[in-house]
PDB file of N, CA and C in Angstrom:
ATOM      1  N   UNK A   1       0.589  -0.684 -35.512  1.00  0.00           N
ATOM      2  CA  UNK A   1       0.279  -0.742 -36.924  1.00  0.00           C
ATOM      3  C   UNK A   1      -0.978   0.084 -37.176  1.00  0.00           C
ATOM      4  N   UNK A   2      -0.936   0.844 -38.209  1.00  0.00           N
ATOM      5  CA  UNK A   2      -2.076   1.690 -38.548  1.00  0.00           C
ATOM      6  C   UNK A   2      -3.076   0.897 -39.383  1.00  0.00           C
ATOM      7  N   UNK A   3      -4.313   1.313 -39.323  1.00  0.00           N
ATOM      8  CA  UNK A   3      -5.372   0.620 -40.054  1.00  0.00           C
ATOM      9  C   UNK A   3      -5.160   0.721 -41.559  1.00  0.00           C
ATOM     10  N   UNK A   4      -4.634   1.840 -42.006  1.00  0.00           N
ATOM     11  CA  UNK A   4      -4.394   2.010 -43.447  1.00  0.00           C
ATOM     12  C   UNK A   4      -3.356   1.010 -43.944  1.00  0.00           C
ATOM     13  N   UNK A   5      -2.344   0.730 -43.110  1.00  0.00           N
ATOM     14  CA  UNK A   5      -1.335  -0.271 -43.486  1.00  0.00           C
ATOM     15  C   UNK A   5      -1.963  -1.658 -43.573  1.00  0.00           C
ATOM     16  N   UNK A   6      -2.837  -1.968 -42.640  1.00  0.00           N
ATOM     17  CA  UNK A   6      -3.472  -3.287 -42.614  1.00  0.00           C
ATOM     18  C   UNK A   6      -4.437  -3.452 -43.779  1.00  0.00           C
ATOM     19  N   UNK A   7      -5.105  -2.391 -44.167  1.00  0.00           N
ATOM     20  CA  UNK A   7      -6.046  -2.479 -45.294  1.00  0.00           C
ATOM     21  C   UNK A   7      -5.324  -2.725 -46.625  1.00  0.00           C
ATOM     22  N   UNK A   8      -4.074  -2.327 -46.681  1.00  0.00           N
ATOM     23  CA  UNK A   8      -3.298  -2.542 -47.901  1.00  0.00           C
ATOM     24  C   UNK A   8      -2.808  -3.985 -48.013  1.00  0.00           C
ATOM     25  N   UNK A   9      -2.859  -4.742 -46.924  1.00  0.00           N
ATOM     26  CA  UNK A   9      -2.383  -6.124 -46.910  1.00  0.00           C
ATOM     27  C   UNK A   9      -3.446  -7.073 -47.457  1.00  0.00           C
ATOM     28  N   UNK A  10      -2.987  -8.243 -47.910  1.00  0.00           N
ATOM     29  CA  UNK A  10      -3.920  -9.286 -48.331  1.00  0.00           C
ATOM     30  C   UNK A  10      -4.362 -10.059 -47.099  1.00  0.00           C
ATOM     31  N   UNK A  11      -5.369 -10.917 -47.269  1.00  0.00           N
ATOM     32  CA  UNK A  11      -5.862 -11.700 -46.138  1.00  0.00           C
ATOM     33  C   UNK A  11      -4.787 -12.628 -45.580  1.00  0.00           C
ATOM     34  N   UNK A  12      -3.974 -13.221 -46.460  1.00  0.00           N
ATOM     35  CA  UNK A  12      -2.902 -14.112 -45.985  1.00  0.00           C
ATOM     36  C   UNK A  12      -1.862 -13.336 -45.184  1.00  0.00           C
ATOM     37  N   UNK A  13      -1.539 -12.153 -45.645  1.00  0.00           N
ATOM     38  CA  UNK A  13      -0.568 -11.329 -44.923  1.00  0.00           C
ATOM     39  C   UNK A  13      -1.123 -10.923 -43.554  1.00  0.00           C
ATOM     40  N   UNK A  14      -2.416 -10.598 -43.511  1.00  0.00           N
ATOM     41  CA  UNK A  14      -3.042 -10.220 -42.240  1.00  0.00           C
ATOM     42  C   UNK A  14      -3.011 -11.400 -41.270  1.00  0.00           C
ATOM     43  N   UNK A  15      -3.337 -12.601 -41.773  1.00  0.00           N
ATOM     44  CA  UNK A  15      -3.325 -13.785 -40.911  1.00  0.00           C
ATOM     45  C   UNK A  15      -1.926 -14.074 -40.380  1.00  0.00           C
ATOM     46  N   UNK A  16      -0.911 -13.899 -41.225  1.00  0.00           N
ATOM     47  CA  UNK A  16       0.472 -14.105 -40.783  1.00  0.00           C
ATOM     48  C   UNK A  16       0.859 -13.082 -39.720  1.00  0.00           C
ATOM     49  N   UNK A  17       0.432 -11.845 -39.914  1.00  0.00           N
ATOM     50  CA  UNK A  17       0.749 -10.785 -38.956  1.00  0.00           C
ATOM     51  C   UNK A  17       0.053 -11.030 -37.619  1.00  0.00           C
ATOM     52  N   UNK A  18      -1.192 -11.507 -37.667  1.00  0.00           N
ATOM     53  CA  UNK A  18      -1.925 -11.828 -36.436  1.00  0.00           C
ATOM     54  C   UNK A  18      -1.205 -12.948 -35.691  1.00  0.00           C
ATOM     55  N   UNK A  19      -0.744 -13.967 -36.417  1.00  0.00           N
ATOM     56  CA  UNK A  19      -0.021 -15.074 -35.800  1.00  0.00           C
ATOM     57  C   UNK A  19       1.273 -14.588 -35.142  1.00  0.00           C
ATOM     58  N   UNK A  20       1.979 -13.714 -35.826  1.00  0.00           N
ATOM     59  CA  UNK A  20       3.223 -13.159 -35.279  1.00  0.00           C
ATOM     60  C   UNK A  20       2.947 -12.349 -34.007  1.00  0.00           C
ATOM     61  N   UNK A  21       1.886 -11.550 -34.042  1.00  0.00           N
ATOM     62  CA  UNK A  21       1.538 -10.737 -32.879  1.00  0.00           C
ATOM     63  C   UNK A  21       1.066 -11.598 -31.710  1.00  0.00           C
ATOM     64  N   UNK A  22       0.356 -12.686 -32.000  1.00  0.00           N
ATOM     65  CA  UNK A  22      -0.088 -13.592 -30.945  1.00  0.00           C
ATOM     66  C   UNK A  22       1.112 -14.233 -30.246  1.00  0.00           C
ATOM     67  N   UNK A  23       2.140 -14.595 -31.018  1.00  0.00           N
ATOM     68  CA  UNK A  23       3.355 -15.168 -30.429  1.00  0.00           C
ATOM     69  C   UNK A  23       4.053 -14.135 -29.537  1.00  0.00           C
ATOM     70  N   UNK A  24       4.108 -12.903 -30.021  1.00  0.00           N
ATOM     71  CA  UNK A  24       4.732 -11.851 -29.229  1.00  0.00           C
ATOM     72  C   UNK A  24       3.924 -11.601 -27.950  1.00  0.00           C
ATOM     73  N   UNK A  25       2.609 -11.645 -28.059  1.00  0.00           N
ATOM     74  CA  UNK A  25       1.751 -11.453 -26.897  1.00  0.00           C
ATOM     75  C   UNK A  25       1.990 -12.568 -25.871  1.00  0.00           C
ATOM     76  N   UNK A  26       2.161 -13.791 -26.345  1.00  0.00           N
ATOM     77  CA  UNK A  26       2.447 -14.927 -25.469  1.00  0.00           C
ATOM     78  C   UNK A  26       3.768 -14.711 -24.729  1.00  0.00           C
ATOM     79  N   UNK A  27       4.792 -14.272 -25.451  1.00  0.00           N
ATOM     80  CA  UNK A  27       6.094 -14.020 -24.836  1.00  0.00           C
ATOM     81  C   UNK A  27       6.016 -12.886 -23.814  1.00  0.00           C
ATOM     82  N   UNK A  28       5.268 -11.845 -24.137  1.00  0.00           N
ATOM     83  CA  UNK A  28       5.119 -10.726 -23.202  1.00  0.00           C
ATOM     84  C   UNK A  28       4.386 -11.152 -21.931  1.00  0.00           C
ATOM     85  N   UNK A  29       3.429 -12.051 -22.085  1.00  0.00           N
ATOM     86  CA  UNK A  29       2.692 -12.537 -20.924  1.00  0.00           C
ATOM     87  C   UNK A  29       3.623 -13.305 -19.981  1.00  0.00           C
ATOM     88  N   UNK A  30       4.543 -14.098 -20.545  1.00  0.00           N
ATOM     89  CA  UNK A  30       5.505 -14.816 -19.718  1.00  0.00           C
ATOM     90  C   UNK A  30       6.497 -13.855 -19.070  1.00  0.00           C
ATOM     91  N   UNK A  31       6.927 -12.858 -19.810  1.00  0.00           N
ATOM     92  CA  UNK A  31       7.850 -11.877 -19.239  1.00  0.00           C
ATOM     93  C   UNK A  31       7.205 -11.144 -18.069  1.00  0.00           C
ATOM     94  N   UNK A  32       5.917 -10.825 -18.201  1.00  0.00           N
ATOM     95  CA  UNK A  32       5.227 -10.133 -17.115  1.00  0.00           C
ATOM     96  C   UNK A  32       5.113 -11.042 -15.892  1.00  0.00           C
ATOM     97  N   UNK A  33       4.840 -12.324 -16.127  1.00  0.00           N
ATOM     98  CA  UNK A  33       4.680 -13.264 -15.019  1.00  0.00           C
ATOM     99  C   UNK A  33       5.991 -13.469 -14.263  1.00  0.00           C
ATOM    100  N   UNK A  34       7.115 -13.415 -14.970  1.00  0.00           N
ATOM    101  CA  UNK A  34       8.415 -13.624 -14.321  1.00  0.00           C
ATOM    102  C   UNK A  34       9.043 -12.321 -13.862  1.00  0.00           C
ATOM    103  N   UNK A  35       8.386 -11.194 -14.140  1.00  0.00           N
ATOM    104  CA  UNK A  35       8.904  -9.903 -13.694  1.00  0.00           C
ATOM    105  C   UNK A  35       9.992  -9.334 -14.580  1.00  0.00           C
ATOM    106  N   UNK A  36      10.119  -9.832 -15.792  1.00  0.00           N
ATOM    107  CA  UNK A  36      11.162  -9.364 -16.705  1.00  0.00           C
ATOM    108  C   UNK A  36      10.665  -8.336 -17.710  1.00  0.00           C
ATOM    109  N   UNK A  37       9.376  -8.049 -17.698  1.00  0.00           N
ATOM    110  CA  UNK A  37       8.798  -7.135 -18.686  1.00  0.00           C
ATOM    111  C   UNK A  37       9.141  -5.700 -18.325  1.00  0.00           C
ATOM    112  N   UNK A  38       9.815  -5.023 -19.243  1.00  0.00           N
ATOM    113  CA  UNK A  38      10.219  -3.640 -19.009  1.00  0.00           C
ATOM    114  C   UNK A  38       9.225  -2.655 -19.612  1.00  0.00           C
ATOM    115  N   UNK A  39       8.760  -2.945 -20.822  1.00  0.00           N
ATOM    116  CA  UNK A  39       7.844  -2.033 -21.512  1.00  0.00           C
ATOM    117  C   UNK A  39       6.417  -2.572 -21.384  1.00  0.00           C
ATOM    118  N   UNK A  40       5.742  -2.198 -20.321  1.00  0.00           N
ATOM    119  CA  UNK A  40       4.407  -2.738 -20.066  1.00  0.00           C
ATOM    120  C   UNK A  40       3.368  -2.241 -21.059  1.00  0.00           C
ATOM    121  N   UNK A  41       3.597  -1.107 -21.662  1.00  0.00           N
ATOM    122  CA  UNK A  41       2.619  -0.567 -22.610  1.00  0.00           C
ATOM    123  C   UNK A  41       2.578  -1.387 -23.900  1.00  0.00           C
ATOM    124  N   UNK A  42       3.601  -2.180 -24.131  1.00  0.00           N
ATOM    125  CA  UNK A  42       3.651  -2.997 -25.345  1.00  0.00           C
ATOM    126  C   UNK A  42       2.532  -4.042 -25.349  1.00  0.00           C
ATOM    127  N   UNK A  43       2.156  -4.541 -24.176  1.00  0.00           N
ATOM    128  CA  UNK A  43       1.076  -5.532 -24.076  1.00  0.00           C
ATOM    129  C   UNK A  43      -0.211  -4.943 -24.628  1.00  0.00           C
ATOM    130  N   UNK A  44      -0.491  -3.720 -24.248  1.00  0.00           N
ATOM    131  CA  UNK A  44      -1.702  -3.040 -24.705  1.00  0.00           C
ATOM    132  C   UNK A  44      -1.668  -2.791 -26.214  1.00  0.00           C
ATOM    133  N   UNK A  45      -0.527  -2.371 -26.718  1.00  0.00           N
ATOM    134  CA  UNK A  45      -0.389  -2.083 -28.149  1.00  0.00           C
ATOM    135  C   UNK A  45      -0.602  -3.349 -28.970  1.00  0.00           C
ATOM    136  N   UNK A  46      -0.014  -4.452 -28.525  1.00  0.00           N
ATOM    137  CA  UNK A  46      -0.153  -5.725 -29.249  1.00  0.00           C
ATOM    138  C   UNK A  46      -1.613  -6.174 -29.250  1.00  0.00           C
ATOM    139  N   UNK A  47      -2.257  -6.082 -28.089  1.00  0.00           N
ATOM    140  CA  UNK A  47      -3.656  -6.511 -27.989  1.00  0.00           C
ATOM    141  C   UNK A  47      -4.541  -5.712 -28.946  1.00  0.00           C
ATOM    142  N   UNK A  48      -4.302  -4.418 -29.025  1.00  0.00           N
ATOM    143  CA  UNK A  48      -5.119  -3.580 -29.915  1.00  0.00           C
ATOM    144  C   UNK A  48      -4.793  -3.827 -31.385  1.00  0.00           C
ATOM    145  N   UNK A  49      -3.532  -4.101 -31.687  1.00  0.00           N
ATOM    146  CA  UNK A  49      -3.162  -4.409 -33.072  1.00  0.00           C
ATOM    147  C   UNK A  49      -3.827  -5.703 -33.538  1.00  0.00           C
ATOM    148  N   UNK A  50      -3.855  -6.716 -32.657  1.00  0.00           N
ATOM    149  CA  UNK A  50      -4.501  -7.982 -33.010  1.00  0.00           C
ATOM    150  C   UNK A  50      -5.979  -7.732 -33.291  1.00  0.00           C
ATOM    151  N   UNK A  51      -6.622  -6.968 -32.431  1.00  0.00           N
ATOM    152  CA  UNK A  51      -8.049  -6.679 -32.624  1.00  0.00           C
ATOM    153  C   UNK A  51      -8.282  -5.906 -33.919  1.00  0.00           C
ATOM    154  N   UNK A  52      -7.409  -4.952 -34.193  1.00  0.00           N
ATOM    155  CA  UNK A  52      -7.542  -4.149 -35.416  1.00  0.00           C
ATOM    156  C   UNK A  52      -7.402  -5.027 -36.658  1.00  0.00           C
ATOM    157  N   UNK A  53      -6.395  -5.916 -36.647  1.00  0.00           N
ATOM    158  CA  UNK A  53      -6.168  -6.789 -37.807  1.00  0.00           C
ATOM    159  C   UNK A  53      -7.321  -7.775 -37.984  1.00  0.00           C
ATOM    160  N   UNK A  54      -7.832  -8.319 -36.881  1.00  0.00           N
ATOM    161  CA  UNK A  54      -8.944  -9.258 -36.988  1.00  0.00           C
ATOM    162  C   UNK A  54     -10.200  -8.568 -37.522  1.00  0.00           C
ATOM    163  N   UNK A  55     -10.417  -7.340 -37.113  1.00  0.00           N
ATOM    164  CA  UNK A  55     -11.576  -6.586 -37.594  1.00  0.00           C
ATOM    165  C   UNK A  55     -11.477  -6.334 -39.089  1.00  0.00           C
ATOM    166  N   UNK A  56     -10.303  -5.922 -39.532  1.00  0.00           N
ATOM    167  CA  UNK A  56     -10.104  -5.638 -40.958  1.00  0.00           C
ATOM    168  C   UNK A  56     -10.221  -6.917 -41.776  1.00  0.00           C
ATOM    169  N   UNK A  57      -9.683  -8.023 -41.247  1.00  0.00           N
ATOM    170  CA  UNK A  57      -9.779  -9.308 -41.956  1.00  0.00           C
ATOM    171  C   UNK A  57     -11.242  -9.735 -42.068  1.00  0.00           C
ATOM    172  N   UNK A  58     -12.019  -9.558 -41.021  1.00  0.00           N
ATOM    173  CA  UNK A  58     -13.436  -9.922 -41.064  1.00  0.00           C
ATOM    174  C   UNK A  58     -14.191  -9.058 -42.067  1.00  0.00           C
ATOM    175  N   UNK A  59     -13.836  -7.787 -42.137  1.00  0.00           N
ATOM    176  CA  UNK A  59     -14.487  -6.896 -43.103  1.00  0.00           C
ATOM    177  C   UNK A  59     -14.153  -7.319 -44.528  1.00  0.00           C
ATOM    178  N   UNK A  60     -12.905  -7.708 -44.751  1.00  0.00           N
ATOM    179  CA  UNK A  60     -12.506  -8.122 -46.104  1.00  0.00           C
ATOM    180  C   UNK A  60     -13.182  -9.431 -46.494  1.00  0.00           C
ATOM    181  N   UNK A  61     -13.299 -10.359 -45.521  1.00  0.00           N
ATOM    182  CA  UNK A  61     -13.942 -11.638 -45.816  1.00  0.00           C
ATOM    183  C   UNK A  61     -15.431 -11.453 -46.105  1.00  0.00           C
ATOM    184  N   UNK A  62     -16.053 -10.489 -45.436  1.00  0.00           N
ATOM    185  CA  UNK A  62     -17.481 -10.228 -45.647  1.00  0.00           C
ATOM    186  C   UNK A  62     -17.718  -9.426 -46.915  1.00  0.00           C
ATOM    187  N   UNK A  63     -16.664  -8.879 -47.489  1.00  0.00           N
ATOM    188  CA  UNK A  63     -16.802  -8.099 -48.708  1.00  0.00           C
ATOM    189  C   UNK A  63     -17.330  -6.709 -48.465  1.00  0.00           C
ATOM    190  N   UNK A  64     -17.195  -6.222 -47.248  1.00  0.00           N
ATOM    191  CA  UNK A  64     -17.660  -4.873 -46.922  1.00  0.00           C
ATOM    192  C   UNK A  64     -16.751  -3.855 -47.595  1.00  0.00           C
ATOM    193  N   UNK A  65     -17.342  -2.762 -48.071  1.00  0.00           N
ATOM    194  CA  UNK A  65     -16.501  -1.733 -48.682  1.00  0.00           C
ATOM    195  C   UNK A  65     -15.606  -1.089 -47.627  1.00  0.00           C
ATOM    196  N   UNK A  66     -14.426  -0.704 -48.064  1.00  0.00           N
ATOM    197  CA  UNK A  66     -13.477  -0.091 -47.140  1.00  0.00           C
ATOM    198  C   UNK A  66     -13.973   1.297 -46.751  1.00  0.00           C
ATOM    199  N   UNK A  67     -13.880   1.629 -45.477  1.00  0.00           N
ATOM    200  CA  UNK A  67     -14.309   2.966 -45.065  1.00  0.00           C
ATOM    201  C   UNK A  67     -13.388   4.029 -45.642  1.00  0.00           C
ATOM    202  N   UNK A  68     -13.968   5.176 -45.881  1.00  0.00           N
ATOM    203  CA  UNK A  68     -13.191   6.281 -46.445  1.00  0.00           C
ATOM    204  C   UNK A  68     -12.139   6.733 -45.435  1.00  0.00           C
ATOM    205  N   UNK A  69     -10.938   6.971 -45.931  1.00  0.00           N
ATOM    206  CA  UNK A  69      -9.845   7.401 -45.075  1.00  0.00           C
ATOM    207  C   UNK A  69      -9.864   8.910 -45.009  1.00  0.00           C
ATOM    208  N   UNK A  70      -9.791   9.441 -43.796  1.00  0.00           N
ATOM    209  CA  UNK A  70      -9.776  10.888 -43.636  1.00  0.00           C
ATOM    210  C   UNK A  70      -8.408  11.411 -44.052  1.00  0.00           C
ATOM    211  N   UNK A  71      -8.415  12.381 -44.953  1.00  0.00           N
ATOM    212  CA  UNK A  71      -7.166  12.954 -45.423  1.00  0.00           C
ATOM    213  C   UNK A  71      -6.683  14.018 -44.463  1.00  0.00           C
ATOM    214  N   UNK A  72      -7.574  14.901 -44.073  1.00  0.00           N
ATOM    215  CA  UNK A  72      -7.197  15.943 -43.127  1.00  0.00           C
ATOM    216  C   UNK A  72      -8.364  16.203 -42.198  1.00  0.00           C
ATOM    217  N   UNK A  73      -8.039  16.719 -41.068  1.00  0.00           N
ATOM    218  CA  UNK A  73      -9.072  17.005 -40.083  1.00  0.00           C
ATOM    219  C   UNK A  73      -9.882  18.220 -40.529  1.00  0.00           C
ATOM    220  N   UNK A  74     -11.148  18.197 -40.247  1.00  0.00           N
ATOM    221  CA  UNK A  74     -12.015  19.320 -40.592  1.00  0.00           C
ATOM    222  C   UNK A  74     -11.671  20.498 -39.686  1.00  0.00           C
ATOM    223  N   UNK A  75     -11.757  21.708 -40.222  1.00  0.00           N
ATOM    224  CA  UNK A  75     -11.453  22.863 -39.375  1.00  0.00           C
ATOM    225  C   UNK A  75     -12.469  22.971 -38.250  1.00  0.00           C
ATOM    226  N   UNK A  76     -11.983  23.313 -37.093  1.00  0.00           N
ATOM    227  CA  UNK A  76     -12.859  23.424 -35.932  1.00  0.00           C
ATOM    228  C   UNK A  76     -13.663  24.714 -36.012  1.00  0.00           C
ATOM    229  N   UNK A  77     -14.876  24.623 -35.506  1.00  0.00           N
ATOM    230  CA  UNK A  77     -15.716  25.818 -35.455  1.00  0.00           C
ATOM    231  C   UNK A  77     -15.149  26.761 -34.410  1.00  0.00           C
ATOM    232  N   UNK A  78     -15.355  28.032 -34.655  1.00  0.00           N
ATOM    233  CA  UNK A  78     -14.825  29.017 -33.718  1.00  0.00           C
ATOM    234  C   UNK A  78     -15.560  28.911 -32.393  1.00  0.00           C
ATOM    235  N   UNK A  79     -14.799  28.917 -31.346  1.00  0.00           N
ATOM    236  CA  UNK A  79     -15.387  28.824 -30.016  1.00  0.00           C
ATOM    237  C   UNK A  79     -15.950  30.182 -29.615  1.00  0.00           C
ATOM    238  N   UNK A  80     -17.145  30.150 -29.057  1.00  0.00           N
ATOM    239  CA  UNK A  80     -17.751  31.396 -28.608  1.00  0.00           C
ATOM    240  C   UNK A  80     -17.127  31.785 -27.284  1.00  0.00           C
ATOM    241  N   UNK A  81     -16.800  33.049 -27.131  1.00  0.00           N
ATOM    242  CA  UNK A  81     -16.228  33.455 -25.842  1.00  0.00           C
ATOM    243  C   UNK A  81     -17.285  33.349 -24.752  1.00  0.00           C
ATOM    244  N   UNK A  82     -16.850  32.904 -23.583  1.00  0.00           N
ATOM    245  CA  UNK A  82     -17.778  32.771 -22.467  1.00  0.00           C
ATOM    246  C   UNK A  82     -18.103  34.138 -21.902  1.00  0.00           C
ATOM    247  N   UNK A  83     -19.360  34.318 -21.597  1.00  0.00           N
ATOM    248  CA  UNK A  83     -19.787  35.567 -20.980  1.00  0.00           C
ATOM    249  C   UNK A  83     -19.777  35.341 -19.481  1.00  0.00           C
ATOM    250  N   UNK A  84     -18.971  36.109 -18.801  1.00  0.00           N
ATOM    251  CA  UNK A  84     -18.863  35.961 -17.360  1.00  0.00           C
ATOM    252  C   UNK A  84     -19.753  36.988 -16.703  1.00  0.00           C
ATOM    253  N   UNK A  85     -20.679  36.488 -15.917  1.00  0.00           N
ATOM    254  CA  UNK A  85     -21.596  37.381 -15.223  1.00  0.00           C
ATOM    255  C   UNK A  85     -20.950  37.807 -13.913  1.00  0.00           C
ATOM    256  N   UNK A  86     -21.030  39.094 -13.597  1.00  0.00           N
ATOM    257  CA  UNK A  86     -20.449  39.521 -12.316  1.00  0.00           C
ATOM    258  C   UNK A  86     -21.273  38.964 -11.168  1.00  0.00           C
ATOM    259  N   UNK A  87     -20.562  38.541 -10.139  1.00  0.00           N
ATOM    260  CA  UNK A  87     -21.243  37.978  -8.978  1.00  0.00           C
ATOM    261  C   UNK A  87     -21.809  39.106  -8.128  1.00  0.00           C
ATOM    262  N   UNK A  88     -22.978  38.850  -7.591  1.00  0.00           N
ATOM    263  CA  UNK A  88     -23.601  39.836  -6.713  1.00  0.00           C
ATOM    264  C   UNK A  88     -22.870  39.827  -5.381  1.00  0.00           C
ATOM    265  N   UNK A  89     -22.558  41.011  -4.909  1.00  0.00           N
ATOM    266  CA  UNK A  89     -21.845  41.109  -3.642  1.00  0.00           C
ATOM    267  C   UNK A  89     -22.820  40.993  -2.492  1.00  0.00           C
ATOM    268  N   UNK A  90     -22.389  40.287  -1.460  1.00  0.00           N
ATOM    269  CA  UNK A  90     -23.221  40.140  -0.273  1.00  0.00           C
ATOM    270  C   UNK A  90     -22.992  41.356   0.609  1.00  0.00           C
ATOM    271  N   UNK A  91     -24.049  41.875   1.177  1.00  0.00           N
ATOM    272  CA  UNK A  91     -23.850  43.016   2.085  1.00  0.00           C
ATOM    273  C   UNK A  91     -23.121  42.544   3.337  1.00  0.00           C
ATOM    274  N   UNK A  92     -22.050  43.237   3.674  1.00  0.00           N
ATOM    275  CA  UNK A  92     -21.267  42.868   4.843  1.00  0.00           C
ATOM    276  C   UNK A  92     -21.778  43.638   6.048  1.00  0.00           C
ATOM    277  N   UNK A  93     -21.923  42.919   7.119  1.00  0.00           N
ATOM    278  CA  UNK A  93     -22.361  43.584   8.340  1.00  0.00           C
ATOM    279  C   UNK A  93     -21.151  43.807   9.235  1.00  0.00           C
ATOM    280  N   UNK A  94     -21.259  44.779  10.102  1.00  0.00           N
ATOM    281  CA  UNK A  94     -20.161  45.111  10.997  1.00  0.00           C
ATOM    282  C   UNK A  94     -20.079  44.144  12.172  1.00  0.00           C
ATOM    283  N   UNK A  95     -21.118  43.348  12.366  1.00  0.00           N
ATOM    284  CA  UNK A  95     -21.142  42.430  13.491  1.00  0.00           C
ATOM    285  C   UNK A  95     -20.252  41.219  13.197  1.00  0.00           C
ATOM    286  N   UNK A  96     -19.495  40.771  14.197  1.00  0.00           N
ATOM    287  CA  UNK A  96     -18.681  39.568  13.976  1.00  0.00           C
ATOM    288  C   UNK A  96     -19.579  38.346  13.888  1.00  0.00           C
ATOM    289  N   UNK A  97     -19.091  37.345  13.209  1.00  0.00           N
ATOM    290  CA  UNK A  97     -19.860  36.119  13.066  1.00  0.00           C
ATOM    291  C   UNK A  97     -19.952  35.430  14.424  1.00  0.00           C
ATOM    292  N   UNK A  98     -21.094  34.880  14.688  1.00  0.00           N
ATOM    293  CA  UNK A  98     -21.274  34.190  15.967  1.00  0.00           C
ATOM    294  C   UNK A  98     -20.666  32.797  15.887  1.00  0.00           C
ATOM    295  N   UNK A  99     -20.263  32.306  17.040  1.00  0.00           N
ATOM    296  CA  UNK A  99     -19.668  30.973  17.095  1.00  0.00           C
ATOM    297  C   UNK A  99     -20.764  29.932  16.983  1.00  0.00           C
ATOM    298  N   UNK A 100     -20.372  28.744  16.566  1.00  0.00           N
ATOM    299  CA  UNK A 100     -21.315  27.647  16.501  1.00  0.00           C
ATOM    300  C   UNK A 100     -21.666  27.232  17.919  1.00  0.00           C
ATOM    301  N   UNK A 101     -22.878  26.814  18.151  1.00  0.00           N
ATOM    302  CA  UNK A 101     -23.228  26.336  19.492  1.00  0.00           C
ATOM    303  C   UNK A 101     -22.465  25.048  19.792  1.00  0.00           C
ATOM    304  N   UNK A 102     -21.968  24.957  21.004  1.00  0.00           N
ATOM    305  CA  UNK A 102     -21.193  23.793  21.385  1.00  0.00           C
ATOM    306  C   UNK A 102     -22.117  22.668  21.813  1.00  0.00           C
ATOM    307  N   UNK A 103     -21.634  21.455  21.628  1.00  0.00           N
ATOM    308  CA  UNK A 103     -22.394  20.321  22.112  1.00  0.00           C
ATOM    309  C   UNK A 103     -22.163  20.194  23.611  1.00  0.00           C
ATOM    310  N   UNK A 104     -23.013  19.448  24.271  1.00  0.00           N
ATOM    311  CA  UNK A 104     -22.905  19.286  25.722  1.00  0.00           C
ATOM    312  C   UNK A 104     -21.575  18.654  26.100  1.00  0.00           C
ATOM    313  N   UNK A 105     -21.117  17.732  25.293  1.00  0.00           N
ATOM    314  CA  UNK A 105     -19.867  17.047  25.596  1.00  0.00           C
ATOM    315  C   UNK A 105     -18.693  18.011  25.533  1.00  0.00           C
ATOM    316  N   UNK A 106     -18.642  18.833  24.491  1.00  0.00           N
ATOM    317  CA  UNK A 106     -17.523  19.760  24.353  1.00  0.00           C
ATOM    318  C   UNK A 106     -17.591  20.868  25.409  1.00  0.00           C
ATOM    319  N   UNK A 107     -18.814  21.241  25.851  1.00  0.00           N
ATOM    320  CA  UNK A 107     -18.932  22.247  26.914  1.00  0.00           C
ATOM    321  C   UNK A 107     -18.364  21.712  28.217  1.00  0.00           C
ATOM    322  N   UNK A 108     -18.645  20.431  28.505  1.00  0.00           N
ATOM    323  CA  UNK A 108     -18.120  19.826  29.727  1.00  0.00           C
ATOM    324  C   UNK A 108     -16.607  19.747  29.672  1.00  0.00           C
ATOM    325  N   UNK A 109     -16.072  19.398  28.515  1.00  0.00           N
ATOM    326  CA  UNK A 109     -14.622  19.294  28.370  1.00  0.00           C
ATOM    327  C   UNK A 109     -13.984  20.663  28.563  1.00  0.00           C
ATOM    328  N   UNK A 110     -14.653  21.708  28.064  1.00  0.00           N
ATOM    329  CA  UNK A 110     -14.134  23.065  28.223  1.00  0.00           C
ATOM    330  C   UNK A 110     -14.154  23.505  29.673  1.00  0.00           C
ATOM    331  N   UNK A 111     -15.172  23.106  30.396  1.00  0.00           N
ATOM    332  CA  UNK A 111     -15.273  23.462  31.817  1.00  0.00           C
ATOM    333  C   UNK A 111     -14.154  22.786  32.593  1.00  0.00           C
ATOM    334  N   UNK A 112     -13.883  21.527  32.284  1.00  0.00           N
ATOM    335  CA  UNK A 112     -12.831  20.797  32.985  1.00  0.00           C
ATOM    336  C   UNK A 112     -11.471  21.427  32.735  1.00  0.00           C
ATOM    337  N   UNK A 113     -11.230  21.845  31.493  1.00  0.00           N
ATOM    338  CA  UNK A 113      -9.931  22.444  31.157  1.00  0.00           C
ATOM    339  C   UNK A 113      -9.744  23.775  31.874  1.00  0.00           C
ATOM    340  N   UNK A 114     -10.796  24.569  31.899  1.00  0.00           N
ATOM    341  CA  UNK A 114     -10.664  25.870  32.560  1.00  0.00           C
ATOM    342  C   UNK A 114     -10.539  25.694  34.056  1.00  0.00           C
ATOM    343  N   UNK A 115     -11.213  24.706  34.616  1.00  0.00           N
ATOM    344  CA  UNK A 115     -11.106  24.459  36.049  1.00  0.00           C
ATOM    345  C   UNK A 115      -9.702  23.992  36.391  1.00  0.00           C
ATOM    346  N   UNK A 116      -9.109  23.221  35.533  1.00  0.00           N
ATOM    347  CA  UNK A 116      -7.760  22.732  35.777  1.00  0.00           C
ATOM    348  C   UNK A 116      -6.769  23.889  35.688  1.00  0.00           C
ATOM    349  N   UNK A 117      -7.004  24.836  34.777  1.00  0.00           N
ATOM    350  CA  UNK A 117      -6.109  25.975  34.635  1.00  0.00           C
ATOM    351  C   UNK A 117      -6.201  26.905  35.847  1.00  0.00           C
ATOM    352  N   UNK A 118      -7.417  27.082  36.345  1.00  0.00           N
ATOM    353  CA  UNK A 118      -7.624  27.992  37.489  1.00  0.00           C
ATOM    354  C   UNK A 118      -6.999  27.458  38.768  1.00  0.00           C
ATOM    355  N   UNK A 119      -6.984  26.134  38.932  1.00  0.00           N
ATOM    356  CA  UNK A 119      -6.459  25.563  40.164  1.00  0.00           C
ATOM    357  C   UNK A 119      -4.946  25.637  40.250  1.00  0.00           C
ATOM    358  N   UNK A 120      -4.268  25.854  39.173  1.00  0.00           N
ATOM    359  CA  UNK A 120      -2.792  25.931  39.182  1.00  0.00           C
ATOM    360  C   UNK A 120      -2.295  27.175  39.777  1.00  0.00           C
TER     361      UNK A 120
END
């Protein structure tokens, strides 16, 4: 339910609608518990509708003026194009990259493997 629809309703109509939605929410909760609920998103929609109706009812009871309804969206400001800076190139050297230093444990394991290969 849209807020504009709810604002057009009287307080009694809003209260009746909240009661109806609460009953539906109760039924959906049982369906979920028994594994029969197919449309799980309906629980979320009902919960938000109840909150929306209660908020509007509270505003009407307090006598707050209704907020202005937006007729159309304001035109978006033009996006500035991003300026891409060229990346500085790293000087490449002809030398191959050196290997990482091995730990003592991995050096021992390498020695054992090569010794095993040589003995065959």
